[in-house]
Amino acid sequence: MASSLLKTSSLSVRTKLLHQTGVSLYNTSHGFHEEEVKRKLQEFPGGSVDLQKEDNGIGILTLNNPSKMNAFSGVMMLQLLEKVIELENWTEGKGLIVRGANNTFSSGSDLNAVKALGTPEEGIALSMFMQNTLTRFMRLPLISVALVQGRALGGGAEVTTACDFRLMTPESEIRFVHKEMGIIPSWGGATRLVQIIGSRQALKVLSGALKLDSEKALNIGMIEEVLQSSDEIKSLEEAQGWLKQFINGPPEVIRALKKSVCSGKELCLEEALQNERDLLGTVWGGTANLEAIARKGKFNK
């Protein structure tokens, strides 16, 4: 019955986009030519984006360009998209930690790429590419947390907003420095920041280019918790422990929950309710549901 209900659902285009994997915001109808942008980004090598998938369903995504404070080179932007696609197809995954190598998060874009992409048209094309990537990242059916060690500046600060949660080590900072570079956030960071801390606080943070240390970030609701340790390995262990409390359960259930929350955030009420109903059809009567009912039945005897 659930399958027939799924087939008869009248979904809007926006709802269908959330259901589909690998669908981007921008395409040629918006004047966005992805292959051209990829060729241009390929000209700026350096660093890597590394993905480690653990057996417990937690992935660790590492921004690795320590000689430049993990700034995003053009190649790293391409690799981020590749890793997002890989994560979209990781059916056993439940959670994801995003971190930077060598105890710092990311200083944003590599200035070599920024200088070379000097026209408004090139800037907008890069914006569309990164908005596509980070929106797909945000919609991953994984519960994600940014582990902010050291500094998350500019584009690095924007990446933290694409995660569901943020944790900071005691001596770390988040700072949207875009105003000081004569620009505004363009990877979706301003829009997501408003959703996280509200429009008034977001305007203060952006227009003041405020330095958010761990205490201030916690006070305004930017982060969930300040970790105990600033040590690279120990703080990663702490972040894994923190995340595990939310991903304890079958992958299909955790992933359906994340999808349901995404639709509640992005869709109007009626469409979000329909999507929640359809997601229920993917788990009701499933293995996890039947096993849970059997366990409860034993307790009730």
C-alpha atoms as a PDB file:
ATOM      1  CA  MET A   1       0.000   0.000   0.000  1.00  0.00           C
ATOM      2  CA  ALA A   2       2.831   2.366   0.844  1.00  0.00           C
ATOM      3  CA  SER A   3       4.307   1.925  -2.633  1.00  0.00           C
ATOM      4  CA  SER A   4       1.006   2.795  -4.304  1.00  0.00           C
ATOM      5  CA  LEU A   5       0.701   5.901  -2.163  1.00  0.00           C
ATOM      6  CA  LEU A   6       4.196   6.930  -3.216  1.00  0.00           C
ATOM      7  CA  LYS A   7       3.273   6.560  -6.866  1.00  0.00           C
ATOM      8  CA  THR A   8       0.132   8.672  -6.565  1.00  0.00           C
ATOM      9  CA  SER A   9       1.753  11.543  -4.677  1.00  0.00           C
ATOM     10  CA  SER A  10       1.382  14.888  -6.437  1.00  0.00           C
ATOM     11  CA  LEU A  11       4.777  16.463  -5.844  1.00  0.00           C
ATOM     12  CA  SER A  12       5.819  19.953  -6.853  1.00  0.00           C
ATOM     13  CA  VAL A  13       8.962  20.497  -8.875  1.00  0.00           C
ATOM     14  CA  ARG A  14      10.767  21.716  -5.744  1.00  0.00           C
ATOM     15  CA  THR A  15       9.720  18.624  -3.799  1.00  0.00           C
ATOM     16  CA  LYS A  16      10.879  16.373  -6.622  1.00  0.00           C
ATOM     17  CA  LEU A  17      14.267  18.076  -6.536  1.00  0.00           C
ATOM     18  CA  LEU A  18      14.637  17.160  -2.876  1.00  0.00           C
ATOM     19  CA  HIS A  19      13.681  13.551  -3.660  1.00  0.00           C
ATOM     20  CA  GLN A  20      16.268  13.240  -6.422  1.00  0.00           C
ATOM     21  CA  THR A  21      19.960  12.701  -5.814  1.00  0.00           C
ATOM     22  CA  GLY A  22      22.494  14.838  -7.616  1.00  0.00           C
ATOM     23  CA  VAL A  23      20.211  17.685  -8.707  1.00  0.00           C
ATOM     24  CA  SER A  24      21.837  21.130  -8.705  1.00  0.00           C
ATOM     25  CA  LEU A  25      20.392  24.616  -8.283  1.00  0.00           C
ATOM     26  CA  TYR A  26      21.852  26.035 -11.469  1.00  0.00           C
ATOM     27  CA  ASN A  27      22.109  24.713 -15.021  1.00  0.00           C
ATOM     28  CA  THR A  28      22.402  26.091 -18.550  1.00  0.00           C
ATOM     29  CA  SER A  29      18.969  27.734 -18.280  1.00  0.00           C
ATOM     30  CA  HIS A  30      20.546  30.027 -15.661  1.00  0.00           C
ATOM     31  CA  GLY A  31      23.558  30.740 -17.856  1.00  0.00           C
ATOM     32  CA  PHE A  32      25.679  28.286 -15.871  1.00  0.00           C
ATOM     33  CA  HIS A  33      28.037  26.070 -17.866  1.00  0.00           C
ATOM     34  CA  GLU A  34      29.547  23.630 -15.408  1.00  0.00           C
ATOM     35  CA  GLU A  35      32.145  22.079 -17.696  1.00  0.00           C
ATOM     36  CA  GLU A  36      33.600  25.499 -18.531  1.00  0.00           C
ATOM     37  CA  VAL A  37      33.908  26.331 -14.823  1.00  0.00           C
ATOM     38  CA  LYS A  38      35.535  22.953 -14.136  1.00  0.00           C
ATOM     39  CA  ARG A  39      38.133  23.527 -16.851  1.00  0.00           C
ATOM     40  CA  LYS A  40      38.980  26.912 -15.370  1.00  0.00           C
ATOM     41  CA  LEU A  41      39.254  25.567 -11.807  1.00  0.00           C
ATOM     42  CA  GLN A  42      41.552  22.798 -12.993  1.00  0.00           C
ATOM     43  CA  GLU A  43      44.147  25.476 -13.716  1.00  0.00           C
ATOM     44  CA  PHE A  44      44.644  26.112  -9.986  1.00  0.00           C
ATOM     45  CA  PRO A  45      46.149  23.015  -8.326  1.00  0.00           C
ATOM     46  CA  GLY A  46      47.176  22.479  -4.722  1.00  0.00           C
ATOM     47  CA  GLY A  47      45.876  20.586  -1.721  1.00  0.00           C
ATOM     48  CA  SER A  48      43.183  17.940  -1.630  1.00  0.00           C
ATOM     49  CA  VAL A  49      39.806  17.089  -0.136  1.00  0.00           C
ATOM     50  CA  ASP A  50      40.069  13.674   1.520  1.00  0.00           C
ATOM     51  CA  LEU A  51      37.239  11.369   2.548  1.00  0.00           C
ATOM     52  CA  GLN A  52      37.466   8.514   5.016  1.00  0.00           C
ATOM     53  CA  LYS A  53      34.368   6.335   5.481  1.00  0.00           C
ATOM     54  CA  GLU A  54      34.241   4.433   8.761  1.00  0.00           C
ATOM     55  CA  ASP A  55      32.439   1.131   9.363  1.00  0.00           C
ATOM     56  CA  ASN A  56      30.267   2.828  11.997  1.00  0.00           C
ATOM     57  CA  GLY A  57      28.628   4.973   9.310  1.00  0.00           C
ATOM     58  CA  ILE A  58      30.582   8.163  10.056  1.00  0.00           C
ATOM     59  CA  GLY A  59      32.522   9.827   7.264  1.00  0.00           C
ATOM     60  CA  ILE A  60      35.408  12.224   7.892  1.00  0.00           C
ATOM     61  CA  LEU A  61      35.897  14.879   5.217  1.00  0.00           C
ATOM     62  CA  THR A  62      39.248  16.669   5.541  1.00  0.00           C
ATOM     63  CA  LEU A  63      40.213  19.930   3.844  1.00  0.00           C
ATOM     64  CA  ASN A  64      43.910  19.368   3.266  1.00  0.00           C
ATOM     65  CA  ASN A  65      46.040  22.297   2.112  1.00  0.00           C
ATOM     66  CA  PRO A  66      48.005  23.131   5.281  1.00  0.00           C
ATOM     67  CA  SER A  67      50.623  25.350   3.625  1.00  0.00           C
ATOM     68  CA  LYS A  68      47.776  27.818   2.894  1.00  0.00           C
ATOM     69  CA  MET A  69      45.659  27.250   6.017  1.00  0.00           C
ATOM     70  CA  ASN A  70      43.549  24.779   4.026  1.00  0.00           C
ATOM     71  CA  ALA A  71      42.434  27.437   1.553  1.00  0.00           C
ATOM     72  CA  PHE A  72      40.373  26.060  -1.327  1.00  0.00           C
ATOM     73  CA  SER A  73      42.361  25.800  -4.540  1.00  0.00           C
ATOM     74  CA  GLY A  74      40.450  25.311  -7.788  1.00  0.00           C
ATOM     75  CA  VAL A  75      41.247  21.592  -7.731  1.00  0.00           C
ATOM     76  CA  MET A  76      39.966  21.332  -4.140  1.00  0.00           C
ATOM     77  CA  MET A  77      36.656  22.877  -5.206  1.00  0.00           C
ATOM     78  CA  LEU A  78      36.387  20.197  -7.884  1.00  0.00           C
ATOM     79  CA  GLN A  79      37.310  17.487  -5.412  1.00  0.00           C
ATOM     80  CA  LEU A  80      34.698  18.722  -2.940  1.00  0.00           C
ATOM     81  CA  LEU A  81      32.022  18.140  -5.581  1.00  0.00           C
ATOM     82  CA  GLU A  82      33.448  14.677  -6.283  1.00  0.00           C
ATOM     83  CA  LYS A  83      33.295  13.793  -2.578  1.00  0.00           C
ATOM     84  CA  VAL A  84      29.732  15.071  -2.294  1.00  0.00           C
ATOM     85  CA  ILE A  85      28.735  12.812  -5.201  1.00  0.00           C
ATOM     86  CA  GLU A  86      30.479   9.895  -3.489  1.00  0.00           C
ATOM     87  CA  LEU A  87      28.607  10.637  -0.257  1.00  0.00           C
ATOM     88  CA  GLU A  88      25.297  10.860  -2.108  1.00  0.00           C
ATOM     89  CA  ASN A  89      25.837   7.241  -3.110  1.00  0.00           C
ATOM     90  CA  TRP A  90      27.059   5.987   0.300  1.00  0.00           C
ATOM     91  CA  THR A  91      23.938   4.121   1.388  1.00  0.00           C
ATOM     92  CA  GLU A  92      25.519   2.840   4.620  1.00  0.00           C
ATOM     93  CA  GLY A  93      26.425   6.354   5.791  1.00  0.00           C
ATOM     94  CA  LYS A  94      24.696   8.077   8.690  1.00  0.00           C
ATOM     95  CA  GLY A  95      26.958  10.933   9.787  1.00  0.00           C
ATOM     96  CA  LEU A  96      29.749  13.187   8.554  1.00  0.00           C
ATOM     97  CA  ILE A  97      32.439  15.297  10.219  1.00  0.00           C
ATOM     98  CA  VAL A  98      34.060  18.108   8.210  1.00  0.00           C
ATOM     99  CA  ARG A  99      37.425  19.277   9.455  1.00  0.00           C
ATOM    100  CA  GLY A 100      40.687  20.852   8.312  1.00  0.00           C
ATOM    101  CA  ALA A 101      44.158  19.329   8.355  1.00  0.00           C
ATOM    102  CA  ASN A 102      46.822  20.399  10.861  1.00  0.00           C
ATOM    103  CA  ASN A 103      44.419  21.759  13.443  1.00  0.00           C
ATOM    104  CA  THR A 104      42.859  24.571  11.430  1.00  0.00           C
ATOM    105  CA  PHE A 105      39.611  24.572   9.457  1.00  0.00           C
ATOM    106  CA  SER A 106      39.971  26.706   6.312  1.00  0.00           C
ATOM    107  CA  SER A 107      40.943  30.241   5.348  1.00  0.00           C
ATOM    108  CA  GLY A 108      38.515  30.287   2.404  1.00  0.00           C
ATOM    109  CA  SER A 109      39.487  30.648  -1.251  1.00  0.00           C
ATOM    110  CA  ASP A 110      43.067  30.485  -2.486  1.00  0.00           C
ATOM    111  CA  LEU A 111      43.895  34.035  -3.544  1.00  0.00           C
ATOM    112  CA  ASN A 112      45.641  32.803  -6.700  1.00  0.00           C
ATOM    113  CA  ALA A 113      42.310  31.554  -8.014  1.00  0.00           C
ATOM    114  CA  VAL A 114      40.467  34.661  -6.799  1.00  0.00           C
ATOM    115  CA  LYS A 115      42.864  36.985  -8.622  1.00  0.00           C
ATOM    116  CA  ALA A 116      42.619  35.014 -11.862  1.00  0.00           C
ATOM    117  CA  LEU A 117      38.803  34.974 -11.802  1.00  0.00           C
ATOM    118  CA  GLY A 118      38.624  38.750 -11.864  1.00  0.00           C
ATOM    119  CA  THR A 119      35.499  39.605 -13.856  1.00  0.00           C
ATOM    120  CA  PRO A 120      31.958  39.753 -12.407  1.00  0.00           C
ATOM    121  CA  GLU A 121      30.945  36.992 -14.836  1.00  0.00           C
ATOM    122  CA  GLU A 122      33.688  34.690 -13.572  1.00  0.00           C
ATOM    123  CA  GLY A 123      32.848  35.501  -9.955  1.00  0.00           C
ATOM    124  CA  ILE A 124      29.185  34.675 -10.519  1.00  0.00           C
ATOM    125  CA  ALA A 125      30.080  31.422 -12.292  1.00  0.00           C
ATOM    126  CA  LEU A 126      32.238  30.381  -9.325  1.00  0.00           C
ATOM    127  CA  SER A 127      29.428  31.363  -6.956  1.00  0.00           C
ATOM    128  CA  MET A 128      26.965  29.151  -8.839  1.00  0.00           C
ATOM    129  CA  PHE A 129      29.410  26.239  -8.844  1.00  0.00           C
ATOM    130  CA  MET A 130      30.004  26.418  -5.074  1.00  0.00           C
ATOM    131  CA  GLN A 131      26.329  27.048  -4.290  1.00  0.00           C
ATOM    132  CA  ASN A 132      25.477  23.942  -6.330  1.00  0.00           C
ATOM    133  CA  THR A 133      28.059  21.886  -4.438  1.00  0.00           C
ATOM    134  CA  LEU A 134      27.229  23.101  -0.935  1.00  0.00           C
ATOM    135  CA  THR A 135      23.472  22.837  -1.469  1.00  0.00           C
ATOM    136  CA  ARG A 136      23.918  19.222  -2.517  1.00  0.00           C
ATOM    137  CA  PHE A 137      26.150  18.801   0.528  1.00  0.00           C
ATOM    138  CA  MET A 138      23.503  20.330   2.807  1.00  0.00           C
ATOM    139  CA  ARG A 139      20.870  17.951   1.422  1.00  0.00           C
ATOM    140  CA  LEU A 140      22.953  14.821   1.989  1.00  0.00           C
ATOM    141  CA  PRO A 141      20.973  12.240   3.997  1.00  0.00           C
ATOM    142  CA  LEU A 142      23.755  12.334   6.587  1.00  0.00           C
ATOM    143  CA  ILE A 143      23.822  14.244   9.866  1.00  0.00           C
ATOM    144  CA  SER A 144      26.799  16.546   9.418  1.00  0.00           C
ATOM    145  CA  VAL A 145      28.936  18.504  11.863  1.00  0.00           C
ATOM    146  CA  ALA A 146      31.718  21.004  11.199  1.00  0.00           C
ATOM    147  CA  LEU A 147      34.632  20.523  13.586  1.00  0.00           C
ATOM    148  CA  VAL A 148      36.142  24.019  13.785  1.00  0.00           C
ATOM    149  CA  GLN A 149      39.742  23.852  14.951  1.00  0.00           C
ATOM    150  CA  GLY A 150      41.863  26.957  14.529  1.00  0.00           C
ATOM    151  CA  ARG A 151      40.321  29.422  12.086  1.00  0.00           C
ATOM    152  CA  ALA A 152      37.368  29.239   9.707  1.00  0.00           C
ATOM    153  CA  LEU A 153      37.571  32.387   7.596  1.00  0.00           C
ATOM    154  CA  GLY A 154      35.650  33.669   4.573  1.00  0.00           C
ATOM    155  CA  GLY A 155      34.666  30.712   2.426  1.00  0.00           C
ATOM    156  CA  GLY A 156      35.739  28.433   5.256  1.00  0.00           C
ATOM    157  CA  ALA A 157      33.141  30.088   7.503  1.00  0.00           C
ATOM    158  CA  GLU A 158      30.576  29.593   4.729  1.00  0.00           C
ATOM    159  CA  VAL A 159      31.332  25.871   4.567  1.00  0.00           C
ATOM    160  CA  THR A 160      30.562  25.510   8.281  1.00  0.00           C
ATOM    161  CA  THR A 161      27.041  26.837   7.639  1.00  0.00           C
ATOM    162  CA  ALA A 162      26.357  24.014   5.175  1.00  0.00           C
ATOM    163  CA  CYS A 163      26.679  21.512   8.039  1.00  0.00           C
ATOM    164  CA  ASP A 164      23.770  20.625  10.304  1.00  0.00           C
ATOM    165  CA  PHE A 165      25.812  21.387  13.424  1.00  0.00           C
ATOM    166  CA  ARG A 166      29.046  23.114  14.387  1.00  0.00           C
ATOM    167  CA  LEU A 167      31.470  22.313  17.213  1.00  0.00           C
ATOM    168  CA  MET A 168      34.465  24.486  18.141  1.00  0.00           C
ATOM    169  CA  THR A 169      37.641  23.876  20.064  1.00  0.00           C
ATOM    170  CA  PRO A 170      38.355  26.407  22.865  1.00  0.00           C
ATOM    171  CA  GLU A 171      40.826  28.584  20.957  1.00  0.00           C
ATOM    172  CA  SER A 172      39.204  28.495  17.519  1.00  0.00           C
ATOM    173  CA  GLU A 173      37.338  31.233  15.660  1.00  0.00           C
ATOM    174  CA  ILE A 174      34.814  31.720  12.862  1.00  0.00           C
ATOM    175  CA  ARG A 175      34.920  34.961  10.909  1.00  0.00           C
ATOM    176  CA  PHE A 176      33.128  36.111   7.768  1.00  0.00           C
ATOM    177  CA  VAL A 177      35.804  38.462   6.423  1.00  0.00           C
ATOM    178  CA  HIS A 178      34.123  39.115   3.063  1.00  0.00           C
ATOM    179  CA  LYS A 179      33.429  42.804   3.721  1.00  0.00           C
ATOM    180  CA  GLU A 180      37.126  43.417   4.227  1.00  0.00           C
ATOM    181  CA  MET A 181      37.755  41.866   0.791  1.00  0.00           C
ATOM    182  CA  GLY A 182      35.180  44.189  -0.801  1.00  0.00           C
ATOM    183  CA  ILE A 183      32.673  41.409  -1.498  1.00  0.00           C
ATOM    184  CA  ILE A 184      29.836  39.516   0.176  1.00  0.00           C
ATOM    185  CA  PRO A 185      29.489  35.787   0.907  1.00  0.00           C
ATOM    186  CA  SER A 186      28.700  33.990  -2.329  1.00  0.00           C
ATOM    187  CA  TRP A 187      28.763  30.256  -1.545  1.00  0.00           C
ATOM    188  CA  GLY A 188      25.357  30.484   0.158  1.00  0.00           C
ATOM    189  CA  GLY A 189      26.859  31.426   3.506  1.00  0.00           C
ATOM    190  CA  ALA A 190      24.800  34.567   4.154  1.00  0.00           C
ATOM    191  CA  THR A 191      21.510  32.824   3.392  1.00  0.00           C
ATOM    192  CA  ARG A 192      22.328  29.849   5.595  1.00  0.00           C
ATOM    193  CA  LEU A 193      23.669  32.085   8.381  1.00  0.00           C
ATOM    194  CA  VAL A 194      20.286  33.834   8.591  1.00  0.00           C
ATOM    195  CA  GLN A 195      18.633  30.426   9.019  1.00  0.00           C
ATOM    196  CA  ILE A 196      21.074  29.514  11.791  1.00  0.00           C
ATOM    197  CA  ILE A 197      21.216  32.667  13.946  1.00  0.00           C
ATOM    198  CA  GLY A 198      18.466  34.918  12.564  1.00  0.00           C
ATOM    199  CA  SER A 199      18.625  38.031  10.394  1.00  0.00           C
ATOM    200  CA  ARG A 200      19.603  40.563  13.088  1.00  0.00           C
ATOM    201  CA  GLN A 201      22.535  38.573  14.403  1.00  0.00           C
ATOM    202  CA  ALA A 202      23.577  37.601  10.874  1.00  0.00           C
ATOM    203  CA  LEU A 203      23.666  41.251   9.820  1.00  0.00           C
ATOM    204  CA  LYS A 204      25.896  42.088  12.788  1.00  0.00           C
ATOM    205  CA  VAL A 205      28.240  39.174  12.107  1.00  0.00           C
ATOM    206  CA  LEU A 206      28.559  39.959   8.386  1.00  0.00           C
ATOM    207  CA  SER A 207      28.628  43.776   8.423  1.00  0.00           C
ATOM    208  CA  GLY A 208      30.969  43.868  11.408  1.00  0.00           C
ATOM    209  CA  ALA A 209      33.176  41.059  10.082  1.00  0.00           C
ATOM    210  CA  LEU A 210      32.977  39.943  13.696  1.00  0.00           C
ATOM    211  CA  LYS A 211      35.457  37.494  15.122  1.00  0.00           C
ATOM    212  CA  LEU A 212      33.392  34.722  16.675  1.00  0.00           C
ATOM    213  CA  ASP A 213      35.454  32.987  19.299  1.00  0.00           C
ATOM    214  CA  SER A 214      33.999  29.803  20.761  1.00  0.00           C
ATOM    215  CA  GLU A 215      32.234  31.577  23.652  1.00  0.00           C
ATOM    216  CA  LYS A 216      30.566  34.220  21.475  1.00  0.00           C
ATOM    217  CA  ALA A 217      29.622  31.660  18.807  1.00  0.00           C
ATOM    218  CA  LEU A 218      27.950  29.551  21.493  1.00  0.00           C
ATOM    219  CA  ASN A 219      26.097  32.546  22.955  1.00  0.00           C
ATOM    220  CA  ILE A 220      24.520  33.568  19.625  1.00  0.00           C
ATOM    221  CA  GLY A 221      23.566  30.020  18.661  1.00  0.00           C
ATOM    222  CA  MET A 222      26.152  29.569  15.933  1.00  0.00           C
ATOM    223  CA  ILE A 223      27.529  26.366  17.465  1.00  0.00           C
ATOM    224  CA  GLU A 224      26.225  23.529  19.607  1.00  0.00           C
ATOM    225  CA  GLU A 225      29.104  23.080  21.998  1.00  0.00           C
ATOM    226  CA  VAL A 226      32.674  24.046  22.862  1.00  0.00           C
ATOM    227  CA  LEU A 227      34.832  20.936  23.018  1.00  0.00           C
ATOM    228  CA  GLN A 228      37.190  20.262  25.906  1.00  0.00           C
ATOM    229  CA  SER A 229      40.407  19.788  23.941  1.00  0.00           C
ATOM    230  CA  SER A 230      42.233  21.831  21.308  1.00  0.00           C
ATOM    231  CA  ASP A 231      44.384  18.853  20.379  1.00  0.00           C
ATOM    232  CA  GLU A 232      43.754  17.753  16.796  1.00  0.00           C
ATOM    233  CA  ILE A 233      43.262  14.058  17.526  1.00  0.00           C
ATOM    234  CA  LYS A 234      41.446  14.416  20.841  1.00  0.00           C
ATOM    235  CA  SER A 235      39.005  16.996  19.498  1.00  0.00           C
ATOM    236  CA  LEU A 236      38.184  14.726  16.552  1.00  0.00           C
ATOM    237  CA  GLU A 237      37.465  11.910  19.012  1.00  0.00           C
ATOM    238  CA  GLU A 238      35.222  14.264  20.991  1.00  0.00           C
ATOM    239  CA  ALA A 239      33.355  15.262  17.830  1.00  0.00           C
ATOM    240  CA  GLN A 240      32.839  11.620  16.896  1.00  0.00           C
ATOM    241  CA  GLY A 241      31.466  10.893  20.358  1.00  0.00           C
ATOM    242  CA  TRP A 242      29.133  13.884  20.153  1.00  0.00           C
ATOM    243  CA  LEU A 243      27.835  12.831  16.730  1.00  0.00           C
ATOM    244  CA  LYS A 244      27.272   9.197  17.689  1.00  0.00           C
ATOM    245  CA  GLN A 245      24.401  10.121  20.006  1.00  0.00           C
ATOM    246  CA  PHE A 246      22.410  11.296  16.982  1.00  0.00           C
ATOM    247  CA  ILE A 247      23.217   8.496  14.534  1.00  0.00           C
ATOM    248  CA  ASN A 248      22.572   5.551  16.811  1.00  0.00           C
ATOM    249  CA  GLY A 249      20.127   3.536  14.726  1.00  0.00           C
ATOM    250  CA  PRO A 250      19.619   1.912  11.325  1.00  0.00           C
ATOM    251  CA  PRO A 251      20.961   3.923   8.355  1.00  0.00           C
ATOM    252  CA  GLU A 252      17.613   3.932   6.550  1.00  0.00           C
ATOM    253  CA  VAL A 253      15.894   5.539   9.548  1.00  0.00           C
ATOM    254  CA  ILE A 254      18.595   8.160  10.224  1.00  0.00           C
ATOM    255  CA  ARG A 255      18.704   9.070   6.526  1.00  0.00           C
ATOM    256  CA  ALA A 256      14.898   9.370   6.315  1.00  0.00           C
ATOM    257  CA  LEU A 257      14.905  11.630   9.380  1.00  0.00           C
ATOM    258  CA  LYS A 258      17.512  13.935   7.804  1.00  0.00           C
ATOM    259  CA  LYS A 259      15.538  14.077   4.549  1.00  0.00           C
ATOM    260  CA  SER A 260      12.381  14.913   6.478  1.00  0.00           C
ATOM    261  CA  VAL A 261      14.072  17.801   8.284  1.00  0.00           C
ATOM    262  CA  CYS A 262      15.504  19.098   4.988  1.00  0.00           C
ATOM    263  CA  SER A 263      12.052  19.180   3.433  1.00  0.00           C
ATOM    264  CA  GLY A 264      10.633  20.915   6.504  1.00  0.00           C
ATOM    265  CA  LYS A 265      13.280  23.601   6.151  1.00  0.00           C
ATOM    266  CA  GLU A 266      13.055  24.118   2.401  1.00  0.00           C
ATOM    267  CA  LEU A 267       9.419  23.441   1.453  1.00  0.00           C
ATOM    268  CA  CYS A 268       6.098  25.059   2.274  1.00  0.00           C
ATOM    269  CA  LEU A 269       4.049  23.326   4.978  1.00  0.00           C
ATOM    270  CA  GLU A 270       1.778  21.298   2.703  1.00  0.00           C
ATOM    271  CA  GLU A 271       4.625  19.990   0.558  1.00  0.00           C
ATOM    272  CA  ALA A 272       6.791  19.212   3.597  1.00  0.00           C
ATOM    273  CA  LEU A 273       3.947  17.210   5.153  1.00  0.00           C
ATOM    274  CA  GLN A 274       3.477  15.259   1.925  1.00  0.00           C
ATOM    275  CA  ASN A 275       7.187  14.543   1.788  1.00  0.00           C
ATOM    276  CA  GLU A 276       7.177  13.389   5.422  1.00  0.00           C
ATOM    277  CA  ARG A 277       4.310  11.026   4.587  1.00  0.00           C
ATOM    278  CA  ASP A 278       6.182   9.605   1.607  1.00  0.00           C
ATOM    279  CA  LEU A 279       9.375   9.130   3.600  1.00  0.00           C
ATOM    280  CA  LEU A 280       7.382   7.214   6.196  1.00  0.00           C
ATOM    281  CA  GLY A 281       6.468   4.780   3.428  1.00  0.00           C
ATOM    282  CA  THR A 282      10.145   3.913   3.008  1.00  0.00           C
ATOM    283  CA  VAL A 283      10.561   2.733   6.628  1.00  0.00           C
ATOM    284  CA  TRP A 284       7.097   1.652   7.849  1.00  0.00           C
ATOM    285  CA  GLY A 285       6.999  -2.127   7.893  1.00  0.00           C
ATOM    286  CA  GLY A 286      10.713  -2.281   7.224  1.00  0.00           C
ATOM    287  CA  THR A 287      13.212  -4.452   9.053  1.00  0.00           C
ATOM    288  CA  ALA A 288      14.045  -1.865  11.737  1.00  0.00           C
ATOM    289  CA  ASN A 289      10.359  -1.124  12.353  1.00  0.00           C
ATOM    290  CA  LEU A 290       9.390  -4.794  12.675  1.00  0.00           C
ATOM    291  CA  GLU A 291      12.339  -5.580  14.958  1.00  0.00           C
ATOM    292  CA  ALA A 292      11.462  -2.627  17.207  1.00  0.00           C
ATOM    293  CA  ILE A 293       7.837  -3.762  17.455  1.00  0.00           C
ATOM    294  CA  ALA A 294       8.973  -7.276  18.341  1.00  0.00           C
ATOM    295  CA  ARG A 295      11.255  -5.936  21.093  1.00  0.00           C
ATOM    296  CA  LYS A 296       8.506  -3.763  22.557  1.00  0.00           C
ATOM    297  CA  GLY A 297       6.117  -6.717  22.487  1.00  0.00           C
ATOM    298  CA  LYS A 298       8.511  -8.701  24.672  1.00  0.00           C
ATOM    299  CA  PHE A 299       8.717  -5.872  27.203  1.00  0.00           C
ATOM    300  CA  ASN A 300       4.928  -5.552  27.387  1.00  0.00           C
ATOM    301  CA  LYS A 301       4.340  -9.212  28.263  1.00  0.00           C
END
